């Protein structure tokens, strides 16, 4: 196995790990939002909590997308 092939394999596996971190973040956002809805808060407090969850959701989606891009790049360059 050549050195560049090992680097691309590293890129694929690290991209898969980053993508899984993003997916875990998305799952955390769903759980966070469901707990906030079940807490029985008033409308303003619930809206503030869900805005925080939405920001975290967007961040997790970006992380997951970057991980998938790393995987695809590693496969193409392999």
Protein backbone atom coordinates (compact mmCIF):
# COMPACT_ATOMS: atom_id res chain seq x y z
CA UNK A 1 0.00 0.00 0.00
CA UNK A 2 1.50 3.33 -1.03
CA UNK A 3 1.77 6.34 1.21
CA UNK A 4 -0.91 8.31 -0.70
CA UNK A 5 -3.29 5.36 -0.51
CA UNK A 6 -2.83 5.24 3.25
CA UNK A 7 -3.53 8.97 3.44
CA UNK A 8 -6.74 8.57 1.47
CA UNK A 9 -7.83 5.69 3.68
CA UNK A 10 -7.16 7.90 6.69
CA UNK A 11 -9.27 10.63 5.08
CA UNK A 12 -12.14 8.20 4.50
CA UNK A 13 -12.16 6.87 8.06
CA UNK A 14 -11.72 10.25 9.70
CA UNK A 15 -14.52 11.60 7.48
CA UNK A 16 -16.77 8.75 8.58
CA UNK A 17 -15.99 9.58 12.21
CA UNK A 18 -16.74 13.28 11.69
CA UNK A 19 -19.97 12.40 9.92
CA UNK A 20 -21.02 10.14 12.80
CA UNK A 21 -20.32 12.98 15.23
CA UNK A 22 -22.66 15.15 13.19
CA UNK A 23 -25.36 12.47 13.20
CA UNK A 24 -24.97 12.13 16.98
CA UNK A 25 -25.44 15.89 17.23
CA UNK A 26 -28.61 15.67 15.16
CA UNK A 27 -29.98 12.95 17.42
CA UNK A 28 -29.10 15.06 20.47
CA UNK A 29 -31.06 17.98 18.94
CA UNK A 30 -34.14 15.81 18.49
CA UNK A 31 -33.96 14.58 22.08
CA UNK A 32 -33.36 18.14 23.36
CA UNK A 33 -36.39 19.46 21.44
CA UNK A 34 -38.66 16.64 22.59
CA UNK A 35 -37.67 17.18 26.23
CA UNK A 36 -38.27 20.91 25.87
CA UNK A 37 -41.75 20.30 24.43
CA UNK A 38 -42.64 17.86 27.21
CA UNK A 39 -41.46 20.22 29.94
CA UNK A 40 -44.68 22.22 29.76
CA UNK A 41 -43.01 25.63 29.50
CA UNK A 42 -44.78 28.75 28.39
CA UNK A 43 -44.59 29.80 24.74
CA UNK A 44 -41.72 32.28 25.10
CA UNK A 45 -39.49 29.90 27.07
CA UNK A 46 -40.22 27.04 24.66
CA UNK A 47 -39.42 29.28 21.70
CA UNK A 48 -36.07 30.25 23.25
CA UNK A 49 -35.18 26.60 23.89
CA UNK A 50 -36.13 25.57 20.36
CA UNK A 51 -34.09 28.42 18.87
CA UNK A 52 -31.06 27.06 20.72
CA UNK A 53 -31.85 23.56 19.40
CA UNK A 54 -32.19 24.94 15.88
CA UNK A 55 -28.73 26.53 16.04
CA UNK A 56 -27.23 23.29 17.33
CA UNK A 57 -29.11 21.37 14.63
CA UNK A 58 -27.60 23.55 11.91
CA UNK A 59 -24.12 23.09 13.37
CA UNK A 60 -24.54 19.32 13.55
CA UNK A 61 -25.78 19.25 9.98
CA UNK A 62 -22.71 21.19 8.82
CA UNK A 63 -20.37 18.81 10.69
CA UNK A 64 -22.10 15.78 9.19
CA UNK A 65 -21.91 17.28 5.70
CA UNK A 66 -18.20 18.04 6.07
CA UNK A 67 -17.60 14.45 7.15
CA UNK A 68 -19.43 13.10 4.13
CA UNK A 69 -17.44 15.44 1.89
CA UNK A 70 -14.22 14.05 3.39
CA UNK A 71 -15.37 10.50 2.67
CA UNK A 72 -16.28 11.29 -0.93
CA UNK A 73 -13.01 13.16 -1.48
CA UNK A 74 -11.05 10.23 -0.06
CA UNK A 75 -12.86 7.79 -2.33
CA UNK A 76 -12.32 9.94 -5.43
CA UNK A 77 -8.61 10.45 -4.71
CA UNK A 78 -8.00 6.82 -3.87
